[in-house]
C-alpha cells in the first residue's frame, strides 16, 4: 500500500526483490482533493535508473484524487500483459497530476509471485 497526502510528490514505495505480476490496484481517497483543476494519479512501474514519471502505467485511466472520500476506486489493469510484469529491481510508485491541496488517501497494488 502507498499512502499519499497533500504535500506528496512523485512517490516510489516498492522495489521488487523478485519477479511479480500485478493482480489488482485499488485507490481510496480519505480526504478528497479540492483544487479547481483535475487531481489524478497514475500508478506506474519503472526499471532501475528510470524515473517513475517516465515509467509504464499499470492501469488504464487515472485514479481520481477528488473522488468521494472513503470510497474505493478499482482501477482497470492494463490489457498489455507485459505491463503487469514486475521484474526484480523494478520500482512501483505514483505519478501525481494537478495540485493535491487537501487530498489524502491510499493506493493498494496487489502482487503475486511470477
N, C-alpha and C. Protein backbone atom coordinates (compact mmCIF):
# COMPACT_ATOMS: atom_id res chain seq x y z
N UNK A 1 0.84 -1.19 0.00
CA UNK A 1 0.00 0.00 0.00
C UNK A 1 0.88 1.24 0.00
N UNK A 2 0.39 2.28 -0.67
CA UNK A 2 1.11 3.54 -0.79
C UNK A 2 0.20 4.64 -0.27
N UNK A 3 0.58 5.27 0.83
CA UNK A 3 -0.19 6.40 1.35
C UNK A 3 0.28 7.68 0.68
N UNK A 4 -0.65 8.62 0.51
CA UNK A 4 -0.28 9.94 -0.01
C UNK A 4 -1.00 11.00 0.82
N UNK A 5 -0.43 12.21 0.80
CA UNK A 5 -1.06 13.34 1.48
C UNK A 5 -0.91 14.57 0.61
N UNK A 6 -1.45 15.69 1.07
CA UNK A 6 -1.49 16.91 0.27
C UNK A 6 -0.12 17.42 -0.16
N UNK A 7 0.93 17.06 0.56
CA UNK A 7 2.27 17.53 0.18
C UNK A 7 3.05 16.48 -0.61
N UNK A 8 2.38 15.40 -1.01
CA UNK A 8 3.06 14.32 -1.74
C UNK A 8 3.54 14.79 -3.11
N UNK A 9 4.64 14.24 -3.52
CA UNK A 9 5.17 14.42 -4.86
C UNK A 9 5.31 13.02 -5.44
N UNK A 10 5.82 12.93 -6.65
CA UNK A 10 6.01 11.61 -7.25
C UNK A 10 6.65 10.70 -6.21
N UNK A 11 6.03 9.55 -5.98
CA UNK A 11 6.42 8.68 -4.89
C UNK A 11 6.78 7.29 -5.38
N UNK A 12 7.93 6.78 -4.95
CA UNK A 12 8.29 5.38 -5.17
C UNK A 12 8.19 4.71 -3.82
N UNK A 13 7.45 3.59 -3.75
CA UNK A 13 7.28 2.97 -2.45
C UNK A 13 7.55 1.48 -2.43
N UNK A 14 7.95 0.92 -3.57
CA UNK A 14 8.22 -0.52 -3.61
C UNK A 14 9.26 -0.79 -4.68
N UNK A 15 10.24 -1.64 -4.33
CA UNK A 15 11.20 -2.14 -5.30
C UNK A 15 11.18 -3.66 -5.19
N UNK A 16 10.91 -4.31 -6.30
CA UNK A 16 10.75 -5.76 -6.30
C UNK A 16 12.08 -6.47 -6.04
N UNK A 17 12.05 -7.41 -5.12
CA UNK A 17 13.24 -8.22 -4.83
C UNK A 17 13.24 -9.50 -5.66
N UNK A 18 12.11 -9.75 -6.35
CA UNK A 18 11.95 -10.91 -7.22
C UNK A 18 10.89 -10.54 -8.25
N UNK A 19 10.60 -11.42 -9.17
CA UNK A 19 9.59 -11.14 -10.20
C UNK A 19 8.18 -11.29 -9.63
N UNK A 20 7.31 -10.36 -9.99
CA UNK A 20 5.90 -10.37 -9.58
C UNK A 20 5.03 -10.08 -10.79
N UNK A 21 3.73 -10.29 -10.60
CA UNK A 21 2.73 -9.87 -11.56
C UNK A 21 1.65 -9.11 -10.80
N UNK A 22 1.18 -8.00 -11.39
CA UNK A 22 0.15 -7.19 -10.76
C UNK A 22 -1.20 -7.89 -10.92
N UNK A 23 -1.92 -8.04 -9.82
CA UNK A 23 -3.23 -8.71 -9.84
C UNK A 23 -4.39 -7.72 -9.73
N UNK A 24 -4.20 -6.62 -9.00
CA UNK A 24 -5.25 -5.60 -8.88
C UNK A 24 -4.65 -4.32 -8.30
N UNK A 25 -5.37 -3.23 -8.54
CA UNK A 25 -4.99 -1.93 -7.97
C UNK A 25 -6.27 -1.24 -7.51
N UNK A 26 -6.27 -0.80 -6.26
CA UNK A 26 -7.40 -0.03 -5.75
C UNK A 26 -6.88 1.25 -5.11
N UNK A 27 -7.69 2.28 -5.16
CA UNK A 27 -7.37 3.54 -4.51
C UNK A 27 -8.53 3.96 -3.63
N UNK A 28 -8.21 4.60 -2.53
CA UNK A 28 -9.25 5.07 -1.61
C UNK A 28 -8.87 6.45 -1.09
N UNK A 29 -9.49 7.50 -1.61
CA UNK A 29 -9.25 8.83 -1.03
C UNK A 29 -9.84 8.86 0.38
N UNK A 30 -9.10 9.38 1.34
CA UNK A 30 -9.66 9.55 2.68
C UNK A 30 -10.15 10.99 2.86
N UNK A 31 -9.51 11.92 2.17
CA UNK A 31 -9.98 13.30 2.06
C UNK A 31 -9.86 13.66 0.59
N UNK A 32 -10.96 14.05 -0.03
CA UNK A 32 -10.94 14.39 -1.45
C UNK A 32 -10.21 15.71 -1.68
N UNK A 33 -9.45 15.76 -2.77
CA UNK A 33 -8.79 17.00 -3.15
C UNK A 33 -9.82 18.07 -3.48
N UNK A 34 -9.45 19.33 -3.31
CA UNK A 34 -10.40 20.42 -3.52
C UNK A 34 -9.92 21.42 -4.56
N UNK A 35 -8.81 21.17 -5.22
CA UNK A 35 -8.30 22.09 -6.24
C UNK A 35 -9.32 22.23 -7.36
N UNK A 36 -9.34 23.38 -8.02
CA UNK A 36 -10.29 23.63 -9.10
C UNK A 36 -10.05 22.78 -10.34
N UNK A 37 -8.81 22.33 -10.53
CA UNK A 37 -8.49 21.52 -11.70
C UNK A 37 -8.50 20.04 -11.38
N UNK A 38 -8.21 19.25 -12.39
CA UNK A 38 -8.14 17.80 -12.21
C UNK A 38 -7.00 17.44 -11.26
N UNK A 39 -7.25 16.48 -10.39
CA UNK A 39 -6.24 15.98 -9.46
C UNK A 39 -6.30 14.46 -9.57
N UNK A 40 -5.29 13.90 -10.23
CA UNK A 40 -5.31 12.47 -10.52
C UNK A 40 -3.95 11.85 -10.23
N UNK A 41 -3.90 10.53 -10.35
CA UNK A 41 -2.65 9.82 -10.17
C UNK A 41 -2.62 8.63 -11.12
N UNK A 42 -1.42 8.29 -11.56
CA UNK A 42 -1.19 7.08 -12.33
C UNK A 42 -0.22 6.21 -11.53
N UNK A 43 -0.53 4.93 -11.43
CA UNK A 43 0.34 4.00 -10.74
C UNK A 43 1.23 3.39 -11.81
N UNK A 44 2.54 3.54 -11.63
CA UNK A 44 3.49 3.15 -12.68
C UNK A 44 4.58 2.24 -12.16
N UNK A 45 5.22 1.54 -13.09
CA UNK A 45 6.42 0.77 -12.78
C UNK A 45 7.57 1.40 -13.56
N UNK A 46 8.77 1.27 -13.02
CA UNK A 46 9.95 1.81 -13.69
C UNK A 46 11.17 0.97 -13.34
N UNK A 47 11.94 0.66 -14.36
CA UNK A 47 13.19 -0.09 -14.17
C UNK A 47 14.21 0.79 -13.44
N UNK A 48 15.24 0.16 -12.91
CA UNK A 48 16.32 0.90 -12.27
C UNK A 48 16.85 1.96 -13.23
N UNK A 49 17.16 3.14 -12.72
CA UNK A 49 17.68 4.29 -13.47
C UNK A 49 16.62 4.97 -14.33
N UNK A 50 15.33 4.63 -14.12
CA UNK A 50 14.23 5.28 -14.83
C UNK A 50 13.31 5.92 -13.80
N UNK A 51 12.97 7.19 -14.01
CA UNK A 51 12.07 7.89 -13.11
C UNK A 51 10.65 7.32 -13.23
N UNK A 52 9.91 7.32 -12.14
CA UNK A 52 8.52 6.86 -12.17
C UNK A 52 7.72 7.67 -13.20
N UNK A 53 7.98 8.95 -13.32
CA UNK A 53 7.25 9.77 -14.30
C UNK A 53 7.44 9.27 -15.73
N UNK A 54 8.55 8.62 -16.01
CA UNK A 54 8.82 8.08 -17.34
C UNK A 54 8.49 6.60 -17.42
N UNK A 55 7.91 6.05 -16.36
CA UNK A 55 7.61 4.63 -16.30
C UNK A 55 6.37 4.25 -17.09
N UNK A 56 5.97 3.01 -16.92
CA UNK A 56 4.82 2.42 -17.62
C UNK A 56 3.63 2.34 -16.67
N UNK A 57 2.49 2.88 -17.10
CA UNK A 57 1.28 2.80 -16.28
C UNK A 57 0.83 1.35 -16.18
N UNK A 58 0.41 0.96 -14.99
CA UNK A 58 -0.06 -0.40 -14.74
C UNK A 58 -1.56 -0.54 -14.99
N UNK A 59 -2.23 0.55 -15.31
CA UNK A 59 -3.68 0.56 -15.49
C UNK A 59 -4.06 1.54 -16.58
N UNK A 60 -5.29 1.44 -17.05
CA UNK A 60 -5.82 2.44 -17.97
C UNK A 60 -6.59 3.47 -17.15
N UNK A 61 -6.77 4.63 -17.71
CA UNK A 61 -7.45 5.69 -16.97
C UNK A 61 -6.58 6.22 -15.84
N UNK A 62 -7.20 6.93 -14.91
CA UNK A 62 -6.47 7.51 -13.80
C UNK A 62 -7.23 7.29 -12.50
N UNK A 63 -6.52 7.46 -11.40
CA UNK A 63 -7.11 7.43 -10.07
C UNK A 63 -7.51 8.86 -9.74
N UNK A 64 -8.78 9.10 -9.47
CA UNK A 64 -9.31 10.43 -9.19
C UNK A 64 -9.14 10.77 -7.71
N UNK A 65 -8.19 11.65 -7.42
CA UNK A 65 -7.93 12.03 -6.04
C UNK A 65 -8.98 12.98 -5.48
N UNK A 66 -9.92 13.41 -6.33
CA UNK A 66 -11.05 14.22 -5.88
C UNK A 66 -12.31 13.36 -5.76
N UNK A 67 -12.13 12.05 -5.81
CA UNK A 67 -13.25 11.13 -5.69
C UNK A 67 -13.86 11.19 -4.30
N UNK A 68 -15.00 10.56 -4.13
CA UNK A 68 -15.71 10.55 -2.86
C UNK A 68 -14.85 9.94 -1.75
N UNK A 69 -14.74 10.65 -0.66
CA UNK A 69 -13.92 10.18 0.48
C UNK A 69 -14.40 8.81 0.95
N UNK A 70 -13.43 7.96 1.26
CA UNK A 70 -13.66 6.62 1.80
C UNK A 70 -14.39 5.68 0.85
N UNK A 71 -14.37 6.01 -0.44
CA UNK A 71 -14.98 5.15 -1.46
C UNK A 71 -13.88 4.57 -2.33
N UNK A 72 -13.85 3.25 -2.42
CA UNK A 72 -12.79 2.55 -3.16
C UNK A 72 -13.00 2.71 -4.67
N UNK A 73 -11.92 2.99 -5.35
CA UNK A 73 -11.90 3.03 -6.81
C UNK A 73 -11.04 1.85 -7.28
N UNK A 74 -11.65 0.90 -7.97
CA UNK A 74 -10.91 -0.22 -8.54
C UNK A 74 -10.40 0.21 -9.91
N UNK A 75 -9.09 0.24 -10.08
CA UNK A 75 -8.52 0.68 -11.35
C UNK A 75 -8.48 -0.49 -12.33
N UNK A 76 -8.74 -0.22 -13.59
CA UNK A 76 -8.73 -1.24 -14.63
C UNK A 76 -7.29 -1.50 -15.05
N UNK A 77 -6.84 -2.74 -14.88
CA UNK A 77 -5.46 -3.08 -15.22
C UNK A 77 -5.21 -2.95 -16.71
N UNK A 78 -3.98 -2.65 -17.06
CA UNK A 78 -3.57 -2.60 -18.46
C UNK A 78 -3.90 -3.92 -19.13
N UNK A 79 -4.32 -3.84 -20.39
CA UNK A 79 -4.60 -5.06 -21.15
C UNK A 79 -3.35 -5.61 -21.82
N UNK A 80 -2.23 -4.91 -21.69
CA UNK A 80 -0.95 -5.38 -22.22
C UNK A 80 -0.27 -6.20 -21.13
N UNK A 81 -0.19 -7.51 -21.35
CA UNK A 81 0.32 -8.43 -20.31
C UNK A 81 1.70 -8.03 -19.80
N UNK A 82 2.59 -7.58 -20.66
CA UNK A 82 3.95 -7.23 -20.23
C UNK A 82 3.96 -6.03 -19.29
N UNK A 83 2.95 -5.17 -19.38
CA UNK A 83 2.87 -4.01 -18.47
C UNK A 83 2.71 -4.46 -17.03
N UNK A 84 2.10 -5.63 -16.83
CA UNK A 84 1.78 -6.11 -15.48
C UNK A 84 2.89 -6.96 -14.87
N UNK A 85 3.93 -7.24 -15.63
CA UNK A 85 5.07 -7.99 -15.12
C UNK A 85 6.02 -7.03 -14.42
N UNK A 86 6.41 -7.38 -13.20
CA UNK A 86 7.31 -6.55 -12.39
C UNK A 86 8.59 -7.35 -12.15
N UNK A 87 9.61 -7.16 -13.00
CA UNK A 87 10.86 -7.91 -12.80
C UNK A 87 11.58 -7.45 -11.53
N UNK A 88 12.45 -8.29 -11.02
CA UNK A 88 13.28 -7.92 -9.87
C UNK A 88 14.01 -6.61 -10.17
N UNK A 89 14.05 -5.72 -9.19
CA UNK A 89 14.72 -4.44 -9.34
C UNK A 89 13.82 -3.34 -9.87
N UNK A 90 12.61 -3.66 -10.24
CA UNK A 90 11.67 -2.67 -10.76
C UNK A 90 10.92 -1.99 -9.62
N UNK A 91 10.74 -0.68 -9.73
CA UNK A 91 10.03 0.10 -8.71
C UNK A 91 8.57 0.30 -9.11
N UNK A 92 7.71 0.45 -8.11
CA UNK A 92 6.32 0.84 -8.31
C UNK A 92 6.10 2.12 -7.53
N UNK A 93 5.40 3.06 -8.15
CA UNK A 93 5.15 4.33 -7.49
C UNK A 93 3.95 5.05 -8.07
N UNK A 94 3.72 6.26 -7.57
CA UNK A 94 2.59 7.09 -8.00
C UNK A 94 3.12 8.35 -8.68
N UNK A 95 2.54 8.65 -9.85
CA UNK A 95 2.82 9.88 -10.59
C UNK A 95 1.58 10.75 -10.48
N UNK A 96 1.67 11.85 -9.73
CA UNK A 96 0.54 12.74 -9.49
C UNK A 96 0.41 13.80 -10.58
N UNK A 97 -0.83 14.20 -10.86
CA UNK A 97 -1.11 15.30 -11.79
C UNK A 97 -2.05 16.27 -11.09
N UNK A 98 -1.77 17.55 -11.18
CA UNK A 98 -2.61 18.56 -10.55
C UNK A 98 -2.07 18.93 -9.18
N UNK A 99 -2.82 19.77 -8.48
CA UNK A 99 -2.44 20.23 -7.15
C UNK A 99 -3.26 19.48 -6.12
N UNK A 100 -2.59 18.74 -5.24
CA UNK A 100 -3.29 17.86 -4.31
C UNK A 100 -4.10 18.62 -3.25
N UNK A 101 -3.76 19.86 -2.94
CA UNK A 101 -4.39 20.65 -1.86
C UNK A 101 -4.62 19.77 -0.64
N UNK A 102 -5.86 19.41 -0.33
CA UNK A 102 -6.15 18.66 0.89
C UNK A 102 -6.22 17.14 0.69
N UNK A 103 -5.91 16.66 -0.50
CA UNK A 103 -6.08 15.24 -0.83
C UNK A 103 -5.20 14.33 0.02
N UNK A 104 -5.81 13.30 0.59
CA UNK A 104 -5.08 12.24 1.28
C UNK A 104 -5.74 10.91 0.92
N UNK A 105 -5.00 9.83 1.06
CA UNK A 105 -5.58 8.53 0.80
C UNK A 105 -4.52 7.45 0.67
N UNK A 106 -4.94 6.33 0.09
CA UNK A 106 -4.05 5.19 -0.05
C UNK A 106 -4.34 4.45 -1.35
N UNK A 107 -3.30 3.92 -1.95
CA UNK A 107 -3.41 3.07 -3.12
C UNK A 107 -2.82 1.72 -2.74
N UNK A 108 -3.51 0.64 -3.10
CA UNK A 108 -3.01 -0.70 -2.84
C UNK A 108 -2.80 -1.44 -4.15
N UNK A 109 -1.58 -1.93 -4.34
CA UNK A 109 -1.24 -2.72 -5.52
C UNK A 109 -1.05 -4.15 -5.03
N UNK A 110 -1.90 -5.05 -5.49
CA UNK A 110 -1.80 -6.46 -5.10
C UNK A 110 -0.93 -7.18 -6.11
N UNK A 111 0.05 -7.92 -5.59
CA UNK A 111 1.03 -8.63 -6.42
C UNK A 111 1.00 -10.12 -6.11
N UNK A 112 1.38 -10.91 -7.10
CA UNK A 112 1.57 -12.34 -6.91
C UNK A 112 2.93 -12.71 -7.49
N UNK A 113 3.60 -13.70 -6.92
CA UNK A 113 4.88 -14.13 -7.50
C UNK A 113 4.67 -14.56 -8.95
N UNK A 114 5.62 -14.20 -9.80
CA UNK A 114 5.52 -14.56 -11.23
C UNK A 114 6.24 -15.86 -11.49
